C-alpha atoms as a PDB file:
ATOM      1  CA  MET A   1     -51.887   9.243 -30.458  1.00  0.00           C
ATOM      2  CA  PRO A   2     -53.236   6.455 -32.678  1.00  0.00           C
ATOM      3  CA  TYR A   3     -51.307   3.281 -33.342  1.00  0.00           C
ATOM      4  CA  ARG A   4     -49.969   3.627 -36.871  1.00  0.00           C
ATOM      5  CA  ASN A   5     -49.869   0.277 -38.611  1.00  0.00           C
ATOM      6  CA  LYS A   6     -51.743   1.017 -41.824  1.00  0.00           C
ATOM      7  CA  VAL A   7     -50.657   1.747 -45.363  1.00  0.00           C
ATOM      8  CA  PHE A   8     -52.475   4.673 -46.947  1.00  0.00           C
ATOM      9  CA  ILE A   9     -52.764   4.238 -50.706  1.00  0.00           C
ATOM     10  CA  SER A  10     -53.232   7.377 -52.772  1.00  0.00           C
ATOM     11  CA  PHE A  11     -54.329   6.845 -56.361  1.00  0.00           C
ATOM     12  CA  ASP A  12     -56.419   8.069 -59.274  1.00  0.00           C
ATOM     13  CA  GLY A  13     -59.679   6.301 -58.499  1.00  0.00           C
ATOM     14  CA  ASP A  14     -61.055   6.838 -61.988  1.00  0.00           C
ATOM     15  CA  ASN A  15     -58.168   5.374 -63.980  1.00  0.00           C
ATOM     16  CA  ASP A  16     -56.029   3.280 -61.625  1.00  0.00           C
ATOM     17  CA  ILE A  17     -58.508   1.445 -59.389  1.00  0.00           C
ATOM     18  CA  HIS A  18     -57.557  -1.892 -60.983  1.00  0.00           C
ATOM     19  CA  TYR A  19     -53.971  -1.494 -59.686  1.00  0.00           C
ATOM     20  CA  TYR A  20     -55.312  -0.898 -56.187  1.00  0.00           C
ATOM     21  CA  ARG A  21     -57.508  -3.987 -56.491  1.00  0.00           C
ATOM     22  CA  LEU A  22     -54.526  -6.016 -57.708  1.00  0.00           C
ATOM     23  CA  MET A  23     -52.596  -4.945 -54.593  1.00  0.00           C
ATOM     24  CA  ARG A  24     -55.475  -6.183 -52.445  1.00  0.00           C
ATOM     25  CA  ALA A  25     -55.360  -9.496 -54.349  1.00  0.00           C
ATOM     26  CA  TRP A  26     -51.592  -9.751 -53.677  1.00  0.00           C
ATOM     27  CA  LYS A  27     -52.365  -9.326 -50.004  1.00  0.00           C
ATOM     28  CA  GLN A  28     -54.897 -12.165 -50.026  1.00  0.00           C
ATOM     29  CA  SER A  29     -52.781 -14.572 -52.097  1.00  0.00           C
ATOM     30  CA  ASP A  30     -51.111 -17.550 -50.454  1.00  0.00           C
ATOM     31  CA  HIS A  31     -48.342 -17.413 -53.065  1.00  0.00           C
ATOM     32  CA  THR A  32     -46.809 -14.116 -51.993  1.00  0.00           C
ATOM     33  CA  ASP A  33     -45.345 -12.534 -48.877  1.00  0.00           C
ATOM     34  CA  PHE A  34     -46.913  -9.190 -49.781  1.00  0.00           C
ATOM     35  CA  ASN A  35     -48.895  -7.788 -46.890  1.00  0.00           C
ATOM     36  CA  PHE A  36     -50.188  -4.455 -45.738  1.00  0.00           C
ATOM     37  CA  PHE A  37     -52.857  -3.147 -43.420  1.00  0.00           C
ATOM     38  CA  ASP A  38     -54.955  -1.064 -45.755  1.00  0.00           C
ATOM     39  CA  ALA A  39     -56.109   2.290 -44.402  1.00  0.00           C
ATOM     40  CA  HIS A  40     -58.946   2.252 -46.942  1.00  0.00           C
ATOM     41  CA  ASP A  41     -60.548  -0.637 -45.028  1.00  0.00           C
ATOM     42  CA  ILE A  42     -61.269   1.589 -42.024  1.00  0.00           C
ATOM     43  CA  ASN A  43     -63.952   3.940 -43.305  1.00  0.00           C
ATOM     44  CA  THR A  44     -65.707   4.167 -46.617  1.00  0.00           C
ATOM     45  CA  ALA A  45     -66.784   7.391 -48.236  1.00  0.00           C
ATOM     46  CA  ARG A  46     -69.994   7.406 -50.226  1.00  0.00           C
ATOM     47  CA  ASP A  47     -70.016   8.916 -53.696  1.00  0.00           C
ATOM     48  CA  THR A  48     -72.604  11.411 -52.457  1.00  0.00           C
ATOM     49  CA  SER A  49     -70.360  12.715 -49.664  1.00  0.00           C
ATOM     50  CA  THR A  50     -69.180  16.297 -49.787  1.00  0.00           C
ATOM     51  CA  GLU A  51     -65.532  17.129 -50.402  1.00  0.00           C
ATOM     52  CA  GLU A  52     -65.239  18.223 -46.766  1.00  0.00           C
ATOM     53  CA  THR A  53     -66.654  14.910 -45.505  1.00  0.00           C
ATOM     54  CA  ILE A  54     -64.396  12.875 -47.786  1.00  0.00           C
ATOM     55  CA  LYS A  55     -61.312  14.820 -46.676  1.00  0.00           C
ATOM     56  CA  ARG A  56     -62.268  14.344 -43.022  1.00  0.00           C
ATOM     57  CA  ARG A  57     -62.479  10.566 -43.573  1.00  0.00           C
ATOM     58  CA  LEU A  58     -59.218  10.564 -45.528  1.00  0.00           C
ATOM     59  CA  SER A  59     -57.629  12.487 -42.666  1.00  0.00           C
ATOM     60  CA  GLU A  60     -58.791   9.780 -40.224  1.00  0.00           C
ATOM     61  CA  ARG A  61     -57.200   7.144 -42.447  1.00  0.00           C
ATOM     62  CA  LEU A  62     -53.955   9.101 -42.658  1.00  0.00           C
ATOM     63  CA  ALA A  63     -53.901   9.310 -38.853  1.00  0.00           C
ATOM     64  CA  ASN A  64     -53.636   5.499 -38.760  1.00  0.00           C
ATOM     65  CA  ALA A  65     -50.980   5.255 -41.481  1.00  0.00           C
ATOM     66  CA  PHE A  66     -47.243   4.721 -41.020  1.00  0.00           C
ATOM     67  CA  VAL A  67     -46.535   5.169 -44.736  1.00  0.00           C
ATOM     68  CA  VAL A  68     -48.222   6.503 -47.874  1.00  0.00           C
ATOM     69  CA  VAL A  69     -48.062   4.617 -51.162  1.00  0.00           C
ATOM     70  CA  SER A  70     -48.797   6.813 -54.168  1.00  0.00           C
ATOM     71  CA  LEU A  71     -49.752   4.900 -57.309  1.00  0.00           C
ATOM     72  CA  ILE A  72     -48.410   7.061 -60.137  1.00  0.00           C
ATOM     73  CA  GLY A  73     -50.232   6.591 -63.427  1.00  0.00           C
ATOM     74  CA  LYS A  74     -50.752   8.649 -66.569  1.00  0.00           C
ATOM     75  CA  HIS A  75     -53.248  11.047 -64.983  1.00  0.00           C
ATOM     76  CA  THR A  76     -52.242  11.085 -61.295  1.00  0.00           C
ATOM     77  CA  ARG A  77     -50.426  14.425 -61.521  1.00  0.00           C
ATOM     78  CA  TYR A  78     -53.660  16.138 -62.611  1.00  0.00           C
ATOM     79  CA  HIS A  79     -55.731  15.112 -59.571  1.00  0.00           C
ATOM     80  CA  TYR A  80     -55.591  18.100 -57.266  1.00  0.00           C
ATOM     81  CA  LYS A  81     -58.795  17.703 -55.262  1.00  0.00           C
ATOM     82  CA  PHE A  82     -57.847  14.493 -53.469  1.00  0.00           C
ATOM     83  CA  VAL A  83     -54.537  12.970 -54.630  1.00  0.00           C
ATOM     84  CA  ARG A  84     -52.587  16.212 -54.247  1.00  0.00           C
ATOM     85  CA  TRP A  85     -54.347  16.908 -50.950  1.00  0.00           C
ATOM     86  CA  GLU A  86     -53.502  13.405 -49.652  1.00  0.00           C
ATOM     87  CA  LEU A  87     -49.834  13.838 -50.573  1.00  0.00           C
ATOM     88  CA  GLU A  88     -49.781  17.329 -49.069  1.00  0.00           C
ATOM     89  CA  GLN A  89     -51.177  15.891 -45.833  1.00  0.00           C
ATOM     90  CA  ALA A  90     -48.587  13.089 -45.861  1.00  0.00           C
ATOM     91  CA  ILE A  91     -45.797  15.670 -46.172  1.00  0.00           C
ATOM     92  CA  LYS A  92     -47.258  17.823 -43.377  1.00  0.00           C
ATOM     93  CA  ARG A  93     -47.561  14.774 -41.107  1.00  0.00           C
ATOM     94  CA  GLY A  94     -44.024  13.596 -41.879  1.00  0.00           C
ATOM     95  CA  LEU A  95     -45.186  10.298 -43.350  1.00  0.00           C
ATOM     96  CA  PRO A  96     -42.789   8.374 -45.615  1.00  0.00           C
ATOM     97  CA  ILE A  97     -43.957   8.306 -49.238  1.00  0.00           C
ATOM     98  CA  ILE A  98     -43.421   5.443 -51.674  1.00  0.00           C
ATOM     99  CA  GLY A  99     -44.089   6.507 -55.272  1.00  0.00           C
ATOM    100  CA  VAL A 100     -45.086   3.458 -57.314  1.00  0.00           C
ATOM    101  CA  ASN A 101     -44.687   3.935 -61.056  1.00  0.00           C
ATOM    102  CA  LEU A 102     -47.421   2.036 -62.850  1.00  0.00           C
ATOM    103  CA  ASN A 103     -45.413   2.259 -66.089  1.00  0.00           C
ATOM    104  CA  GLY A 104     -42.658   0.037 -64.645  1.00  0.00           C
ATOM    105  CA  ARG A 105     -40.015   2.719 -64.182  1.00  0.00           C
ATOM    106  CA  ARG A 106     -37.727   2.036 -61.204  1.00  0.00           C
ATOM    107  CA  SER A 107     -36.845   5.653 -60.448  1.00  0.00           C
ATOM    108  CA  GLN A 108     -38.791   8.894 -60.392  1.00  0.00           C
ATOM    109  CA  ASP A 109     -40.699   9.573 -63.594  1.00  0.00           C
ATOM    110  CA  THR A 110     -40.384  13.357 -63.710  1.00  0.00           C
ATOM    111  CA  VAL A 111     -43.173  13.643 -66.280  1.00  0.00           C
ATOM    112  CA  LEU A 112     -45.804  11.587 -64.440  1.00  0.00           C
ATOM    113  CA  CYS A 113     -44.819  12.217 -60.816  1.00  0.00           C
ATOM    114  CA  PRO A 114     -47.204  14.598 -59.035  1.00  0.00           C
ATOM    115  CA  PRO A 115     -45.383  17.952 -58.742  1.00  0.00           C
ATOM    116  CA  ILE A 116     -45.973  18.134 -54.979  1.00  0.00           C
ATOM    117  CA  ILE A 117     -43.620  15.175 -54.335  1.00  0.00           C
ATOM    118  CA  ARG A 118     -41.033  15.699 -57.111  1.00  0.00           C
ATOM    119  CA  ASP A 119     -38.508  17.311 -54.766  1.00  0.00           C
ATOM    120  CA  GLU A 120     -39.695  15.651 -51.573  1.00  0.00           C
ATOM    121  CA  LEU A 121     -37.998  12.878 -49.642  1.00  0.00           C
ATOM    122  CA  ALA A 122     -39.682   9.862 -51.268  1.00  0.00           C
ATOM    123  CA  ILE A 123     -38.624   6.532 -52.761  1.00  0.00           C
ATOM    124  CA  HIS A 124     -39.756   5.693 -56.296  1.00  0.00           C
ATOM    125  CA  ILE A 125     -40.210   2.081 -57.393  1.00  0.00           C
ATOM    126  CA  SER A 126     -41.898   0.020 -60.093  1.00  0.00           C
ATOM    127  CA  PHE A 127     -45.297  -1.629 -59.619  1.00  0.00           C
ATOM    128  CA  ASN A 128     -44.488  -5.108 -58.317  1.00  0.00           C
ATOM    129  CA  ALA A 129     -45.431  -6.941 -55.109  1.00  0.00           C
ATOM    130  CA  ALA A 130     -41.846  -7.927 -54.195  1.00  0.00           C
ATOM    131  CA  ILE A 131     -40.295  -4.452 -54.463  1.00  0.00           C
ATOM    132  CA  LEU A 132     -43.326  -2.853 -52.820  1.00  0.00           C
ATOM    133  CA  GLN A 133     -43.120  -5.246 -49.864  1.00  0.00           C
ATOM    134  CA  TYR A 134     -39.387  -4.516 -49.622  1.00  0.00           C
ATOM    135  CA  ALA A 135     -40.040  -0.760 -49.679  1.00  0.00           C
ATOM    136  CA  LEU A 136     -42.766  -1.035 -47.020  1.00  0.00           C
ATOM    137  CA  GLU A 137     -40.287  -2.781 -44.732  1.00  0.00           C
ATOM    138  CA  ASP A 138     -37.205  -0.721 -45.647  1.00  0.00           C
ATOM    139  CA  TRP A 139     -38.201   2.831 -46.560  1.00  0.00           C
ATOM    140  CA  PRO A 140     -39.821   4.079 -43.296  1.00  0.00           C
ATOM    141  CA  THR A 141     -36.582   3.509 -41.346  1.00  0.00           C
ATOM    142  CA  LYS A 142     -34.407   5.046 -44.065  1.00  0.00           C
ATOM    143  CA  TYR A 143     -36.837   7.938 -44.395  1.00  0.00           C
ATOM    144  CA  ALA A 144     -36.571   8.702 -40.667  1.00  0.00           C
ATOM    145  CA  SER A 145     -32.775   8.652 -40.858  1.00  0.00           C
ATOM    146  CA  TYR A 146     -32.628  10.849 -43.961  1.00  0.00           C
ATOM    147  CA  ARG A 147     -35.132  13.258 -42.444  1.00  0.00           C
ATOM    148  CA  ARG A 148     -33.071  13.585 -39.238  1.00  0.00           C
ATOM    149  CA  ASN A 149     -30.129  14.527 -41.468  1.00  0.00           C
ATOM    150  CA  ASN A 150     -32.273  17.095 -43.348  1.00  0.00           C
ATOM    151  CA  GLU A 151     -31.902  15.218 -46.631  1.00  0.00           C
ATOM    152  CA  SER A 152     -34.483  15.624 -49.369  1.00  0.00           C
ATOM    153  CA  GLY A 153     -35.153  14.765 -52.953  1.00  0.00           C
ATOM    154  CA  PRO A 154     -36.241  11.630 -54.726  1.00  0.00           C
ATOM    155  CA  TYR A 155     -34.619   8.261 -54.003  1.00  0.00           C
ATOM    156  CA  TYR A 156     -34.729   4.925 -55.796  1.00  0.00           C
ATOM    157  CA  TYR A 157     -33.391   1.424 -55.205  1.00  0.00           C
ATOM    158  CA  LYS A 158     -30.369   0.338 -57.195  1.00  0.00           C
ATOM    159  CA  ARG A 159     -30.542  -2.513 -59.689  1.00  0.00           C
ATOM    160  CA  GLU A 160     -28.947  -4.872 -57.143  1.00  0.00           C
ATOM    161  CA  VAL A 161     -31.996  -4.635 -54.880  1.00  0.00           C
ATOM    162  CA  TYR A 162     -34.318  -5.628 -57.727  1.00  0.00           C
ATOM    163  CA  THR A 163     -31.948  -8.459 -58.701  1.00  0.00           C
ATOM    164  CA  ARG A 164     -31.866  -9.773 -55.124  1.00  0.00           C
ATOM    165  CA  LEU A 165     -35.658  -9.828 -55.184  1.00  0.00           C
ATOM    166  CA  GLY A 166     -35.663 -11.813 -58.436  1.00  0.00           C
ATOM    167  CA  LEU A 167     -36.834  -8.901 -60.565  1.00  0.00           C
END
């Protein structure tokens, strides 16, 4: 069994790549505590790769992940070939999912959220380094507890958590 210390980030590569790049910049900044071990650093898929090859590489990345972060933008819910597949795999593997609303919403956005995770056990947060770092540290443990108790449905952090983080 592989050692799972990576964060798998699922996103619309056509429209939301700049948010992913910003997260990588947060990680490299000396002015923030934000940190993650990016599963996308492990293997790179070429644009000429077949869907089967890309999914095999994504599967390898998921095998190293302890959590999946889904960047939820305007078009994310329409991406079935890879984004939906990645989230489906996360659910099958029992990986905690953090839905990050790129529009700033702090709870599930029922319009933009990919249908596959709308009723799943997942936390929904706004796009911000502080709350994302908090969720990466907090949600996997809570997820495991909720899952043991057969709980489901979307979760979100209360206003007090954001206030404590200075947001």
